[in-house]
């Protein structure tokens, strides 16, 4: 009986340890997606900056300056097809 309890305890410990380690490690897909989004936002910022809508640095972060520039661009009914595609890809169209 003691051996059975010990085996069950060790098995439970191993399963829980694996679950915690697995949950803590970011998946490769998440980091690729995050990097792709940053790249998309750098391109969005670059295009907005070239048109005079964005005044911040090209950091790839969808912060307040980027959001304001996107909104101003939309309000002025911009026609940059590549920018429109990037905004659509990020769900911002």
C-alpha atoms as a PDB file:
ATOM      1  CA  UNK A   1       0.000   0.000   0.000  1.00  0.00           C
ATOM      2  CA  UNK A   2       2.850   2.338   0.862  1.00  0.00           C
ATOM      3  CA  UNK A   3       4.568   1.715  -2.460  1.00  0.00           C
ATOM      4  CA  UNK A   4       1.314   2.410  -4.299  1.00  0.00           C
ATOM      5  CA  UNK A   5       0.886   5.748  -2.512  1.00  0.00           C
ATOM      6  CA  UNK A   6       4.497   6.677  -3.206  1.00  0.00           C
ATOM      7  CA  UNK A   7       4.123   5.786  -6.889  1.00  0.00           C
ATOM      8  CA  UNK A   8       0.897   7.811  -7.139  1.00  0.00           C
ATOM      9  CA  UNK A   9       2.542  10.773  -5.408  1.00  0.00           C
ATOM     10  CA  UNK A  10       5.572  10.658  -7.708  1.00  0.00           C
ATOM     11  CA  UNK A  11       3.368  10.373 -10.794  1.00  0.00           C
ATOM     12  CA  UNK A  12       1.225  13.313  -9.683  1.00  0.00           C
ATOM     13  CA  UNK A  13       4.330  15.391  -8.942  1.00  0.00           C
ATOM     14  CA  UNK A  14       5.790  14.616 -12.366  1.00  0.00           C
ATOM     15  CA  UNK A  15       2.545  15.505 -14.163  1.00  0.00           C
ATOM     16  CA  UNK A  16       2.156  18.779 -12.266  1.00  0.00           C
ATOM     17  CA  UNK A  17       5.801  19.726 -12.835  1.00  0.00           C
ATOM     18  CA  UNK A  18       5.475  19.106 -16.562  1.00  0.00           C
ATOM     19  CA  UNK A  19       2.274  21.186 -16.689  1.00  0.00           C
ATOM     20  CA  UNK A  20       3.877  24.141 -14.903  1.00  0.00           C
ATOM     21  CA  UNK A  21       7.001  24.050 -17.086  1.00  0.00           C
ATOM     22  CA  UNK A  22       4.920  23.764 -20.243  1.00  0.00           C
ATOM     23  CA  UNK A  23       2.642  26.657 -19.264  1.00  0.00           C
ATOM     24  CA  UNK A  24       5.545  28.942 -18.357  1.00  0.00           C
ATOM     25  CA  UNK A  25       7.430  28.546 -21.637  1.00  0.00           C
ATOM     26  CA  UNK A  26       6.129  30.742 -24.474  1.00  0.00           C
ATOM     27  CA  UNK A  27       5.400  28.795 -27.603  1.00  0.00           C
ATOM     28  CA  UNK A  28       7.462  29.416 -30.708  1.00  0.00           C
ATOM     29  CA  UNK A  29       4.280  30.336 -32.583  1.00  0.00           C
ATOM     30  CA  UNK A  30       3.446  33.075 -30.070  1.00  0.00           C
ATOM     31  CA  UNK A  31       6.865  34.685 -30.354  1.00  0.00           C
ATOM     32  CA  UNK A  32       6.796  34.505 -34.168  1.00  0.00           C
ATOM     33  CA  UNK A  33       3.347  36.079 -34.177  1.00  0.00           C
ATOM     34  CA  UNK A  34       4.461  38.796 -31.756  1.00  0.00           C
ATOM     35  CA  UNK A  35       7.522  39.548 -33.895  1.00  0.00           C
ATOM     36  CA  UNK A  36       5.404  39.631 -37.063  1.00  0.00           C
ATOM     37  CA  UNK A  37       2.977  42.092 -35.448  1.00  0.00           C
ATOM     38  CA  UNK A  38       5.865  44.340 -34.405  1.00  0.00           C
ATOM     39  CA  UNK A  39       7.202  44.231 -37.976  1.00  0.00           C
ATOM     40  CA  UNK A  40       3.740  45.089 -39.322  1.00  0.00           C
ATOM     41  CA  UNK A  41       3.433  48.044 -36.959  1.00  0.00           C
ATOM     42  CA  UNK A  42       6.886  49.356 -37.877  1.00  0.00           C
ATOM     43  CA  UNK A  43       5.768  49.313 -41.517  1.00  0.00           C
ATOM     44  CA  UNK A  44       2.454  50.989 -40.605  1.00  0.00           C
ATOM     45  CA  UNK A  45       4.314  53.670 -38.632  1.00  0.00           C
ATOM     46  CA  UNK A  46       6.786  54.181 -41.484  1.00  0.00           C
ATOM     47  CA  UNK A  47       4.008  54.724 -44.023  1.00  0.00           C
ATOM     48  CA  UNK A  48       2.064  57.019 -41.703  1.00  0.00           C
ATOM     49  CA  UNK A  49       5.233  58.989 -40.937  1.00  0.00           C
ATOM     50  CA  UNK A  50       6.011  59.430 -44.652  1.00  0.00           C
ATOM     51  CA  UNK A  51       2.519  60.875 -45.110  1.00  0.00           C
ATOM     52  CA  UNK A  52       2.916  63.198 -42.110  1.00  0.00           C
ATOM     53  CA  UNK A  53       0.403  61.466 -39.805  1.00  0.00           C
ATOM     54  CA  UNK A  54       2.826  59.843 -37.357  1.00  0.00           C
ATOM     55  CA  UNK A  55       5.413  61.784 -35.371  1.00  0.00           C
ATOM     56  CA  UNK A  56       6.786  59.142 -33.006  1.00  0.00           C
ATOM     57  CA  UNK A  57       9.719  56.784 -33.348  1.00  0.00           C
ATOM     58  CA  UNK A  58       9.446  53.608 -35.413  1.00  0.00           C
ATOM     59  CA  UNK A  59       9.182  51.159 -32.505  1.00  0.00           C
ATOM     60  CA  UNK A  60       6.526  48.738 -33.773  1.00  0.00           C
ATOM     61  CA  UNK A  61       4.270  49.398 -30.788  1.00  0.00           C
ATOM     62  CA  UNK A  62       0.610  50.221 -31.328  1.00  0.00           C
ATOM     63  CA  UNK A  63       0.681  53.002 -28.762  1.00  0.00           C
ATOM     64  CA  UNK A  64      -1.308  56.216 -28.469  1.00  0.00           C
ATOM     65  CA  UNK A  65       0.628  58.078 -31.197  1.00  0.00           C
ATOM     66  CA  UNK A  66       0.172  55.191 -33.624  1.00  0.00           C
ATOM     67  CA  UNK A  67      -3.536  54.899 -32.833  1.00  0.00           C
ATOM     68  CA  UNK A  68      -4.018  58.643 -33.250  1.00  0.00           C
ATOM     69  CA  UNK A  69      -2.143  58.605 -36.580  1.00  0.00           C
ATOM     70  CA  UNK A  70      -4.245  55.687 -37.855  1.00  0.00           C
ATOM     71  CA  UNK A  71      -7.445  57.465 -36.858  1.00  0.00           C
ATOM     72  CA  UNK A  72      -6.366  60.717 -38.524  1.00  0.00           C
ATOM     73  CA  UNK A  73      -5.386  58.796 -41.665  1.00  0.00           C
ATOM     74  CA  UNK A  74      -8.815  57.116 -41.743  1.00  0.00           C
ATOM     75  CA  UNK A  75     -10.623  60.408 -41.112  1.00  0.00           C
ATOM     76  CA  UNK A  76      -8.778  61.927 -44.070  1.00  0.00           C
ATOM     77  CA  UNK A  77      -9.775  58.893 -46.165  1.00  0.00           C
ATOM     78  CA  UNK A  78      -6.241  57.867 -47.049  1.00  0.00           C
ATOM     79  CA  UNK A  79      -5.636  55.750 -50.120  1.00  0.00           C
ATOM     80  CA  UNK A  80      -2.332  53.930 -49.493  1.00  0.00           C
ATOM     81  CA  UNK A  81      -3.177  50.370 -50.612  1.00  0.00           C
ATOM     82  CA  UNK A  82      -0.250  48.719 -48.810  1.00  0.00           C
ATOM     83  CA  UNK A  83      -1.123  50.556 -45.594  1.00  0.00           C
ATOM     84  CA  UNK A  84      -4.755  49.484 -45.991  1.00  0.00           C
ATOM     85  CA  UNK A  85      -3.605  45.855 -46.314  1.00  0.00           C
ATOM     86  CA  UNK A  86      -1.427  46.130 -43.201  1.00  0.00           C
ATOM     87  CA  UNK A  87      -4.245  47.721 -41.210  1.00  0.00           C
ATOM     88  CA  UNK A  88      -6.642  44.990 -42.360  1.00  0.00           C
ATOM     89  CA  UNK A  89      -4.131  42.298 -41.362  1.00  0.00           C
ATOM     90  CA  UNK A  90      -4.053  43.772 -37.852  1.00  0.00           C
ATOM     91  CA  UNK A  91      -7.847  44.128 -37.725  1.00  0.00           C
ATOM     92  CA  UNK A  92      -7.638  47.933 -37.751  1.00  0.00           C
ATOM     93  CA  UNK A  93      -9.514  48.722 -40.945  1.00  0.00           C
END
